[in-house]
Amino acid sequence: MYAVEVELDVQEPYLKIPNYERLKNKHVRVLFIAEDESLPLLSKTSLPNVYLNPIVVDSYDALGSRDDWHAR
C-alpha cells in the first residue's frame, strides 16, 4: 500500500496530484479534511456531558468491598 499526504490551500477547482505517474491508472481513495472556524471544535479527548456536570449525591452506602467483589 502506498499513501500520499498533501496539505495545500485550495485556490482552483483542480488539484495537482504529487507523484501522478506512480498513481496513474490505479484505484485510489481520497480524503479531504477542512477546518471550518464557523463550526464548534470537537476534541477527540472531549468528555461526555455527564463528566462535566456530575450528579451530586448527599450520601450513599457502598455495596460491599473490593475484596468481596473479586472473591472467587
PDB file of N, CA and C in Angstrom:
ATOM      1  N   MET A   1       0.852  -1.175   0.000  1.00  0.00           N
ATOM      2  CA  MET A   1       0.000   0.000   0.000  1.00  0.00           C
ATOM      3  C   MET A   1       0.891   1.229   0.000  1.00  0.00           C
ATOM      4  N   TYR A   2       0.414   2.262  -0.624  1.00  0.00           N
ATOM      5  CA  TYR A   2       1.183   3.488  -0.786  1.00  0.00           C
ATOM      6  C   TYR A   2       0.290   4.654  -0.402  1.00  0.00           C
ATOM      7  N   ALA A   3       0.763   5.581   0.411  1.00  0.00           N
ATOM      8  CA  ALA A   3      -0.030   6.728   0.857  1.00  0.00           C
ATOM      9  C   ALA A   3       0.652   8.021   0.459  1.00  0.00           C
ATOM     10  N   VAL A   4      -0.171   8.990   0.059  1.00  0.00           N
ATOM     11  CA  VAL A   4       0.313  10.323  -0.281  1.00  0.00           C
ATOM     12  C   VAL A   4      -0.479  11.305   0.571  1.00  0.00           C
ATOM     13  N   GLU A   5       0.224  12.173   1.281  1.00  0.00           N
ATOM     14  CA  GLU A   5      -0.447  13.195   2.079  1.00  0.00           C
ATOM     15  C   GLU A   5      -0.020  14.557   1.561  1.00  0.00           C
ATOM     16  N   VAL A   6      -1.011  15.410   1.307  1.00  0.00           N
ATOM     17  CA  VAL A   6      -0.735  16.733   0.763  1.00  0.00           C
ATOM     18  C   VAL A   6      -1.516  17.746   1.587  1.00  0.00           C
ATOM     19  N   GLU A   7      -0.849  18.809   1.993  1.00  0.00           N
ATOM     20  CA  GLU A   7      -1.534  19.914   2.656  1.00  0.00           C
ATOM     21  C   GLU A   7      -1.378  21.121   1.755  1.00  0.00           C
ATOM     22  N   LEU A   8      -2.511  21.750   1.401  1.00  0.00           N
ATOM     23  CA  LEU A   8      -2.451  22.844   0.454  1.00  0.00           C
ATOM     24  C   LEU A   8      -3.613  23.800   0.669  1.00  0.00           C
ATOM     25  N   ASP A   9      -3.499  24.974   0.069  1.00  0.00           N
ATOM     26  CA  ASP A   9      -4.581  25.952   0.050  1.00  0.00           C
ATOM     27  C   ASP A   9      -5.308  25.794  -1.281  1.00  0.00           C
ATOM     28  N   VAL A  10      -6.610  25.552  -1.223  1.00  0.00           N
ATOM     29  CA  VAL A  10      -7.391  25.352  -2.442  1.00  0.00           C
ATOM     30  C   VAL A  10      -7.695  26.717  -3.052  1.00  0.00           C
ATOM     31  N   GLN A  11      -7.220  26.921  -4.272  1.00  0.00           N
ATOM     32  CA  GLN A  11      -7.439  28.182  -4.970  1.00  0.00           C
ATOM     33  C   GLN A  11      -8.104  27.959  -6.325  1.00  0.00           C
ATOM     34  N   GLU A  12      -8.142  26.724  -6.773  1.00  0.00           N
ATOM     35  CA  GLU A  12      -8.732  26.367  -8.057  1.00  0.00           C
ATOM     36  C   GLU A  12      -9.573  25.110  -7.875  1.00  0.00           C
ATOM     37  N   PRO A  13     -10.438  24.803  -8.830  1.00  0.00           N
ATOM     38  CA  PRO A  13     -11.245  23.585  -8.698  1.00  0.00           C
ATOM     39  C   PRO A  13     -10.462  22.306  -8.982  1.00  0.00           C
ATOM     40  N   TYR A  14      -9.214  22.430  -9.406  1.00  0.00           N
ATOM     41  CA  TYR A  14      -8.408  21.258  -9.723  1.00  0.00           C
ATOM     42  C   TYR A  14      -7.222  21.171  -8.760  1.00  0.00           C
ATOM     43  N   LEU A  15      -6.855  19.958  -8.408  1.00  0.00           N
ATOM     44  CA  LEU A  15      -5.729  19.735  -7.513  1.00  0.00           C
ATOM     45  C   LEU A  15      -4.619  18.997  -8.248  1.00  0.00           C
ATOM     46  N   LYS A  16      -3.398  19.357  -7.961  1.00  0.00           N
ATOM     47  CA  LYS A  16      -2.254  18.680  -8.554  1.00  0.00           C
ATOM     48  C   LYS A  16      -1.914  17.491  -7.660  1.00  0.00           C
ATOM     49  N   ILE A  17      -1.825  16.322  -8.251  1.00  0.00           N
ATOM     50  CA  ILE A  17      -1.508  15.101  -7.514  1.00  0.00           C
ATOM     51  C   ILE A  17      -0.001  14.872  -7.558  1.00  0.00           C
ATOM     52  N   PRO A  18       0.642  14.864  -6.378  1.00  0.00           N
ATOM     53  CA  PRO A  18       2.079  14.569  -6.377  1.00  0.00           C
ATOM     54  C   PRO A  18       2.327  13.128  -6.832  1.00  0.00           C
ATOM     55  N   ASN A  19       3.398  12.908  -7.503  1.00  0.00           N
ATOM     56  CA  ASN A  19       3.761  11.568  -7.993  1.00  0.00           C
ATOM     57  C   ASN A  19       2.636  10.965  -8.849  1.00  0.00           C
ATOM     58  N   TYR A  20       2.066  11.780  -9.704  1.00  0.00           N
ATOM     59  CA  TYR A  20       0.942  11.346 -10.532  1.00  0.00           C
ATOM     60  C   TYR A  20       1.260  10.086 -11.329  1.00  0.00           C
ATOM     61  N   GLU A  21       2.433   9.996 -11.895  1.00  0.00           N
ATOM     62  CA  GLU A  21       2.779   8.845 -12.731  1.00  0.00           C
ATOM     63  C   GLU A  21       2.723   7.538 -11.947  1.00  0.00           C
ATOM     64  N   ARG A  22       3.075   7.585 -10.679  1.00  0.00           N
ATOM     65  CA  ARG A  22       3.042   6.375  -9.846  1.00  0.00           C
ATOM     66  C   ARG A  22       1.601   5.941  -9.564  1.00  0.00           C
ATOM     67  N   LEU A  23       0.675   6.903  -9.549  1.00  0.00           N
ATOM     68  CA  LEU A  23      -0.729   6.607  -9.239  1.00  0.00           C
ATOM     69  C   LEU A  23      -1.607   6.481 -10.479  1.00  0.00           C
ATOM     70  N   LYS A  24      -1.068   6.781 -11.629  1.00  0.00           N
ATOM     71  CA  LYS A  24      -1.836   6.757 -12.876  1.00  0.00           C
ATOM     72  C   LYS A  24      -2.433   5.366 -13.113  1.00  0.00           C
ATOM     73  N   ASN A  25      -3.726   5.330 -13.464  1.00  0.00           N
ATOM     74  CA  ASN A  25      -4.477   4.101 -13.744  1.00  0.00           C
ATOM     75  C   ASN A  25      -4.566   3.169 -12.535  1.00  0.00           C
ATOM     76  N   LYS A  26      -4.511   3.741 -11.335  1.00  0.00           N
ATOM     77  CA  LYS A  26      -4.663   2.959 -10.104  1.00  0.00           C
ATOM     78  C   LYS A  26      -5.946   3.381  -9.409  1.00  0.00           C
ATOM     79  N   HIS A  27      -6.475   2.487  -8.624  1.00  0.00           N
ATOM     80  CA  HIS A  27      -7.628   2.813  -7.788  1.00  0.00           C
ATOM     81  C   HIS A  27      -7.104   3.506  -6.539  1.00  0.00           C
ATOM     82  N   VAL A  28      -7.585   4.701  -6.239  1.00  0.00           N
ATOM     83  CA  VAL A  28      -7.135   5.452  -5.068  1.00  0.00           C
ATOM     84  C   VAL A  28      -8.345   5.909  -4.260  1.00  0.00           C
ATOM     85  N   ARG A  29      -8.120   6.125  -2.969  1.00  0.00           N
ATOM     86  CA  ARG A  29      -9.127   6.742  -2.103  1.00  0.00           C
ATOM     87  C   ARG A  29      -8.612   8.123  -1.725  1.00  0.00           C
ATOM     88  N   VAL A  30      -9.488   9.098  -1.787  1.00  0.00           N
ATOM     89  CA  VAL A  30      -9.109  10.474  -1.499  1.00  0.00           C
ATOM     90  C   VAL A  30      -9.930  10.967  -0.317  1.00  0.00           C
ATOM     91  N   LEU A  31      -9.258  11.611   0.626  1.00  0.00           N
ATOM     92  CA  LEU A  31      -9.910  12.132   1.814  1.00  0.00           C
ATOM     93  C   LEU A  31      -9.609  13.612   1.919  1.00  0.00           C
ATOM     94  N   PHE A  32     -10.661  14.435   1.998  1.00  0.00           N
ATOM     95  CA  PHE A  32     -10.491  15.873   2.177  1.00  0.00           C
ATOM     96  C   PHE A  32     -10.922  16.223   3.595  1.00  0.00           C
ATOM     97  N   ILE A  33     -10.065  16.907   4.316  1.00  0.00           N
ATOM     98  CA  ILE A  33     -10.375  17.361   5.667  1.00  0.00           C
ATOM     99  C   ILE A  33     -10.141  18.863   5.693  1.00  0.00           C
ATOM    100  N   ALA A  34     -11.165  19.616   6.063  1.00  0.00           N
ATOM    101  CA  ALA A  34     -11.036  21.071   6.134  1.00  0.00           C
ATOM    102  C   ALA A  34     -11.508  21.545   7.497  1.00  0.00           C
ATOM    103  N   GLU A  35     -10.745  22.440   8.084  1.00  0.00           N
ATOM    104  CA  GLU A  35     -11.146  23.030   9.356  1.00  0.00           C
ATOM    105  C   GLU A  35     -11.972  24.265   9.050  1.00  0.00           C
ATOM    106  N   ASP A  36     -13.150  24.341   9.660  1.00  0.00           N
ATOM    107  CA  ASP A  36     -14.062  25.460   9.435  1.00  0.00           C
ATOM    108  C   ASP A  36     -14.227  26.207  10.751  1.00  0.00           C
ATOM    109  N   GLU A  37     -13.761  27.449  10.797  1.00  0.00           N
ATOM    110  CA  GLU A  37     -13.809  28.222  12.036  1.00  0.00           C
ATOM    111  C   GLU A  37     -15.235  28.520  12.481  1.00  0.00           C
ATOM    112  N   SER A  38     -16.214  28.447  11.584  1.00  0.00           N
ATOM    113  CA  SER A  38     -17.588  28.748  11.955  1.00  0.00           C
ATOM    114  C   SER A  38     -18.256  27.590  12.708  1.00  0.00           C
ATOM    115  N   LEU A  39     -17.656  26.387  12.668  1.00  0.00           N
ATOM    116  CA  LEU A  39     -18.201  25.241  13.376  1.00  0.00           C
ATOM    117  C   LEU A  39     -17.506  25.083  14.711  1.00  0.00           C
ATOM    118  N   PRO A  40     -18.236  24.618  15.741  1.00  0.00           N
ATOM    119  CA  PRO A  40     -17.576  24.413  17.036  1.00  0.00           C
ATOM    120  C   PRO A  40     -16.552  23.287  16.940  1.00  0.00           C
ATOM    121  N   LEU A  41     -15.448  23.461  17.640  1.00  0.00           N
ATOM    122  CA  LEU A  41     -14.397  22.450  17.618  1.00  0.00           C
ATOM    123  C   LEU A  41     -14.768  21.299  18.541  1.00  0.00           C
ATOM    124  N   LEU A  42     -14.579  20.083  18.070  1.00  0.00           N
ATOM    125  CA  LEU A  42     -14.799  18.899  18.883  1.00  0.00           C
ATOM    126  C   LEU A  42     -13.453  18.217  19.061  1.00  0.00           C
ATOM    127  N   SER A  43     -13.080  18.026  20.280  1.00  0.00           N
ATOM    128  CA  SER A  43     -11.807  17.401  20.578  1.00  0.00           C
ATOM    129  C   SER A  43     -11.993  15.902  20.664  1.00  0.00           C
ATOM    130  N   LYS A  44     -10.979  15.146  20.237  1.00  0.00           N
ATOM    131  CA  LYS A  44     -11.033  13.698  20.378  1.00  0.00           C
ATOM    132  C   LYS A  44     -11.082  13.304  21.845  1.00  0.00           C
ATOM    133  N   THR A  45     -10.540  14.170  22.684  1.00  0.00           N
ATOM    134  CA  THR A  45     -10.479  13.857  24.104  1.00  0.00           C
ATOM    135  C   THR A  45     -11.615  14.510  24.883  1.00  0.00           C
ATOM    136  N   SER A  46     -12.609  15.065  24.193  1.00  0.00           N
ATOM    137  CA  SER A  46     -13.703  15.712  24.914  1.00  0.00           C
ATOM    138  C   SER A  46     -14.518  14.663  25.658  1.00  0.00           C
ATOM    139  N   LEU A  47     -14.944  15.017  26.854  1.00  0.00           N
ATOM    140  CA  LEU A  47     -15.681  14.109  27.712  1.00  0.00           C
ATOM    141  C   LEU A  47     -17.177  14.278  27.520  1.00  0.00           C
ATOM    142  N   PRO A  48     -17.959  13.233  27.787  1.00  0.00           N
ATOM    143  CA  PRO A  48     -19.415  13.375  27.722  1.00  0.00           C
ATOM    144  C   PRO A  48     -19.899  14.402  28.750  1.00  0.00           C
ATOM    145  N   ASN A  49     -21.054  14.959  28.514  1.00  0.00           N
ATOM    146  CA  ASN A  49     -21.618  15.999  29.365  1.00  0.00           C
ATOM    147  C   ASN A  49     -21.737  15.566  30.826  1.00  0.00           C
ATOM    148  N   VAL A  50     -21.997  14.280  31.082  1.00  0.00           N
ATOM    149  CA  VAL A  50     -22.156  13.808  32.455  1.00  0.00           C
ATOM    150  C   VAL A  50     -20.870  13.985  33.255  1.00  0.00           C
ATOM    151  N   TYR A  51     -19.721  13.952  32.621  1.00  0.00           N
ATOM    152  CA  TYR A  51     -18.452  14.156  33.317  1.00  0.00           C
ATOM    153  C   TYR A  51     -18.239  15.627  33.662  1.00  0.00           C
ATOM    154  N   LEU A  52     -18.771  16.497  32.829  1.00  0.00           N
ATOM    155  CA  LEU A  52     -18.606  17.923  33.069  1.00  0.00           C
ATOM    156  C   LEU A  52     -19.634  18.449  34.066  1.00  0.00           C
ATOM    157  N   ASN A  53     -20.780  17.785  34.170  1.00  0.00           N
ATOM    158  CA  ASN A  53     -21.847  18.178  35.089  1.00  0.00           C
ATOM    159  C   ASN A  53     -22.283  16.960  35.890  1.00  0.00           C
ATOM    160  N   PRO A  54     -21.480  16.539  36.872  1.00  0.00           N
ATOM    161  CA  PRO A  54     -21.810  15.315  37.614  1.00  0.00           C
ATOM    162  C   PRO A  54     -23.038  15.494  38.503  1.00  0.00           C
ATOM    163  N   ILE A  55     -23.689  14.387  38.787  1.00  0.00           N
ATOM    164  CA  ILE A  55     -24.842  14.384  39.689  1.00  0.00           C
ATOM    165  C   ILE A  55     -24.310  14.394  41.115  1.00  0.00           C
ATOM    166  N   VAL A  56     -24.821  15.306  41.928  1.00  0.00           N
ATOM    167  CA  VAL A  56     -24.372  15.414  43.311  1.00  0.00           C
ATOM    168  C   VAL A  56     -25.273  14.548  44.179  1.00  0.00           C
ATOM    169  N   VAL A  57     -24.656  13.651  44.966  1.00  0.00           N
ATOM    170  CA  VAL A  57     -25.389  12.755  45.856  1.00  0.00           C
ATOM    171  C   VAL A  57     -24.982  13.091  47.285  1.00  0.00           C
ATOM    172  N   ASP A  58     -25.986  13.266  48.169  1.00  0.00           N
ATOM    173  CA  ASP A  58     -25.699  13.624  49.556  1.00  0.00           C
ATOM    174  C   ASP A  58     -24.952  12.511  50.273  1.00  0.00           C
ATOM    175  N   SER A  59     -25.434  11.281  50.166  1.00  0.00           N
ATOM    176  CA  SER A  59     -24.762  10.170  50.820  1.00  0.00           C
ATOM    177  C   SER A  59     -25.085   8.888  50.050  1.00  0.00           C
ATOM    178  N   TYR A  60     -24.275   7.855  50.287  1.00  0.00           N
ATOM    179  CA  TYR A  60     -24.504   6.566  49.637  1.00  0.00           C
ATOM    180  C   TYR A  60     -23.923   5.475  50.514  1.00  0.00           C
ATOM    181  N   ASP A  61     -24.399   4.265  50.324  1.00  0.00           N
ATOM    182  CA  ASP A  61     -23.884   3.096  51.024  1.00  0.00           C
ATOM    183  C   ASP A  61     -23.165   2.212  50.008  1.00  0.00           C
ATOM    184  N   ALA A  62     -21.929   1.859  50.324  1.00  0.00           N
ATOM    185  CA  ALA A  62     -21.161   1.002  49.431  1.00  0.00           C
ATOM    186  C   ALA A  62     -21.776  -0.392  49.395  1.00  0.00           C
ATOM    187  N   LEU A  63     -21.783  -1.013  48.253  1.00  0.00           N
ATOM    188  CA  LEU A  63     -22.350  -2.350  48.071  1.00  0.00           C
ATOM    189  C   LEU A  63     -21.262  -3.406  48.232  1.00  0.00           C
ATOM    190  N   GLY A  64     -20.633  -3.455  49.385  1.00  0.00           N
ATOM    191  CA  GLY A  64     -19.567  -4.411  49.624  1.00  0.00           C
ATOM    192  C   GLY A  64     -18.214  -3.748  49.487  1.00  0.00           C
ATOM    193  N   SER A  65     -17.188  -4.567  49.565  1.00  0.00           N
ATOM    194  CA  SER A  65     -15.823  -4.050  49.439  1.00  0.00           C
ATOM    195  C   SER A  65     -15.189  -4.612  48.169  1.00  0.00           C
ATOM    196  N   ARG A  66     -14.062  -4.087  47.846  1.00  0.00           N
ATOM    197  CA  ARG A  66     -13.358  -4.549  46.656  1.00  0.00           C
ATOM    198  C   ARG A  66     -13.009  -6.031  46.774  1.00  0.00           C
ATOM    199  N   ASP A  67     -12.602  -6.445  47.973  1.00  0.00           N
ATOM    200  CA  ASP A  67     -12.261  -7.857  48.179  1.00  0.00           C
ATOM    201  C   ASP A  67     -13.486  -8.749  47.978  1.00  0.00           C
ATOM    202  N   ASP A  68     -14.659  -8.292  48.426  1.00  0.00           N
ATOM    203  CA  ASP A  68     -15.890  -9.066  48.239  1.00  0.00           C
ATOM    204  C   ASP A  68     -16.232  -9.194  46.756  1.00  0.00           C
ATOM    205  N   TRP A  69     -16.042  -8.116  46.020  1.00  0.00           N
ATOM    206  CA  TRP A  69     -16.394  -8.133  44.594  1.00  0.00           C
ATOM    207  C   TRP A  69     -15.505  -9.074  43.810  1.00  0.00           C
ATOM    208  N   HIS A  70     -14.245  -9.224  44.210  1.00  0.00           N
ATOM    209  CA  HIS A  70     -13.295 -10.036  43.448  1.00  0.00           C
ATOM    210  C   HIS A  70     -13.054 -11.417  44.060  1.00  0.00           C
ATOM    211  N   ALA A  71     -13.825 -11.759  45.064  1.00  0.00           N
ATOM    212  CA  ALA A  71     -13.667 -13.072  45.685  1.00  0.00           C
ATOM    213  C   ALA A  71     -14.121 -14.151  44.719  1.00  0.00           C
ATOM    214  N   ARG A  72     -13.407 -15.268  44.717  1.00  0.00           N
ATOM    215  CA  ARG A  72     -13.790 -16.377  43.809  1.00  0.00           C
ATOM    216  C   ARG A  72     -14.307 -17.534  44.571  1.00  0.00           C
TER     217      ARG A  72
END
